[in-house]
């Protein structure tokens, strides 16, 4: 089985009024279970990238092989998250 890494999700920018009150600096560590406190819309948008980094893959467009940035789906109240693989 491929080694699973923990993944840290952190809010790196926020514009407008997030309905879940996410703000810059909020962070969660994902290690096999859904993290407490992150809204479902954001988690749904982040999940594919979380799984990609969790199981050792990379994104060819990202200059950092251990990270990717994604925005929530609410374009009017934009929250941008950094997803980072936590190397052991």
Protein backbone atom coordinates (compact mmCIF):
# COMPACT_ATOMS: atom_id res chain seq x y z
CA UNK A 1 0.00 0.00 0.00
CA UNK A 2 1.16 3.53 -0.74
CA UNK A 3 2.18 5.55 2.30
CA UNK A 4 -0.45 8.08 3.33
CA UNK A 5 0.74 11.50 4.43
CA UNK A 6 -1.10 13.91 6.66
CA UNK A 7 -2.18 17.04 4.80
CA UNK A 8 -2.53 20.55 6.23
CA UNK A 9 -5.18 22.87 4.79
CA UNK A 10 -4.73 26.56 5.59
CA UNK A 11 -6.66 29.68 4.57
CA UNK A 12 -4.19 31.97 2.79
CA UNK A 13 -6.58 34.68 1.56
CA UNK A 14 -10.21 35.66 2.00
CA UNK A 15 -12.37 38.33 0.32
CA UNK A 16 -15.98 39.18 1.09
CA UNK A 17 -17.89 37.45 3.85
CA UNK A 18 -17.39 33.71 4.13
CA UNK A 19 -20.62 32.03 5.22
CA UNK A 20 -18.60 29.62 7.38
CA UNK A 21 -16.52 32.48 8.86
CA UNK A 22 -13.26 31.04 7.52
CA UNK A 23 -10.46 33.60 7.70
CA UNK A 24 -6.76 33.86 6.95
CA UNK A 25 -4.77 31.65 9.28
CA UNK A 26 -7.46 29.02 9.93
CA UNK A 27 -6.00 25.57 9.43
CA UNK A 28 -6.89 21.92 9.68
CA UNK A 29 -4.84 18.73 9.53
CA UNK A 30 -6.39 15.88 7.59
CA UNK A 31 -5.20 12.40 8.39
CA UNK A 32 -7.87 9.99 7.30
CA UNK A 33 -10.98 11.69 8.72
CA UNK A 34 -12.96 14.79 7.78
CA UNK A 35 -11.64 17.71 9.84
CA UNK A 36 -13.92 19.46 12.32
CA UNK A 37 -14.94 23.01 11.45
CA UNK A 38 -14.33 23.22 7.71
CA UNK A 39 -17.47 23.88 5.66
CA UNK A 40 -18.69 21.14 3.34
CA UNK A 41 -18.50 23.30 0.20
CA UNK A 42 -14.83 24.08 0.80
CA UNK A 43 -14.03 20.48 1.74
CA UNK A 44 -15.76 19.24 -1.40
CA UNK A 45 -13.64 21.57 -3.55
CA UNK A 46 -10.42 20.61 -1.74
CA UNK A 47 -10.93 16.86 -1.44
CA UNK A 48 -9.44 15.75 -4.79
CA UNK A 49 -6.24 17.72 -4.14
CA UNK A 50 -6.08 16.51 -0.54
CA UNK A 51 -6.22 12.91 -1.71
CA UNK A 52 -3.65 13.54 -4.43
CA UNK A 53 -1.10 14.93 -1.96
CA UNK A 54 -2.05 12.42 0.75
CA UNK A 55 -0.99 9.53 -1.46
CA UNK A 56 2.28 10.96 -2.77
CA UNK A 57 1.28 12.48 -6.09
CA UNK A 58 2.09 15.98 -7.35
CA UNK A 59 0.59 18.72 -9.52
CA UNK A 60 2.70 19.54 -12.61
CA UNK A 61 1.69 23.24 -12.50
CA UNK A 62 2.71 23.74 -8.87
CA UNK A 63 6.31 24.88 -8.25
CA UNK A 64 6.21 23.09 -4.86
CA UNK A 65 5.68 19.32 -5.17
CA UNK A 66 4.22 19.21 -1.66
CA UNK A 67 1.59 21.93 -2.09
CA UNK A 68 -1.30 23.24 -4.16
CA UNK A 69 -3.63 26.22 -3.77
CA UNK A 70 -7.36 26.15 -4.45
CA UNK A 71 -10.33 28.45 -3.99
CA UNK A 72 -13.71 27.71 -2.50
CA UNK A 73 -16.59 27.56 -4.96
CA UNK A 74 -18.19 30.82 -3.71
CA UNK A 75 -16.82 33.33 -6.24
CA UNK A 76 -18.54 36.26 -4.50
CA UNK A 77 -16.85 35.54 -1.14
CA UNK A 78 -13.58 34.01 -2.21
CA UNK A 79 -11.57 31.93 0.25
CA UNK A 80 -8.26 30.51 -1.01
CA UNK A 81 -6.69 27.53 0.70
CA UNK A 82 -3.16 26.12 0.61
CA UNK A 83 -3.06 22.34 0.75
CA UNK A 84 0.30 21.02 1.94
CA UNK A 85 1.63 17.47 2.33
CA UNK A 86 3.30 17.06 5.70
CA UNK A 87 6.44 14.98 5.21
CA UNK A 88 7.27 12.66 8.09
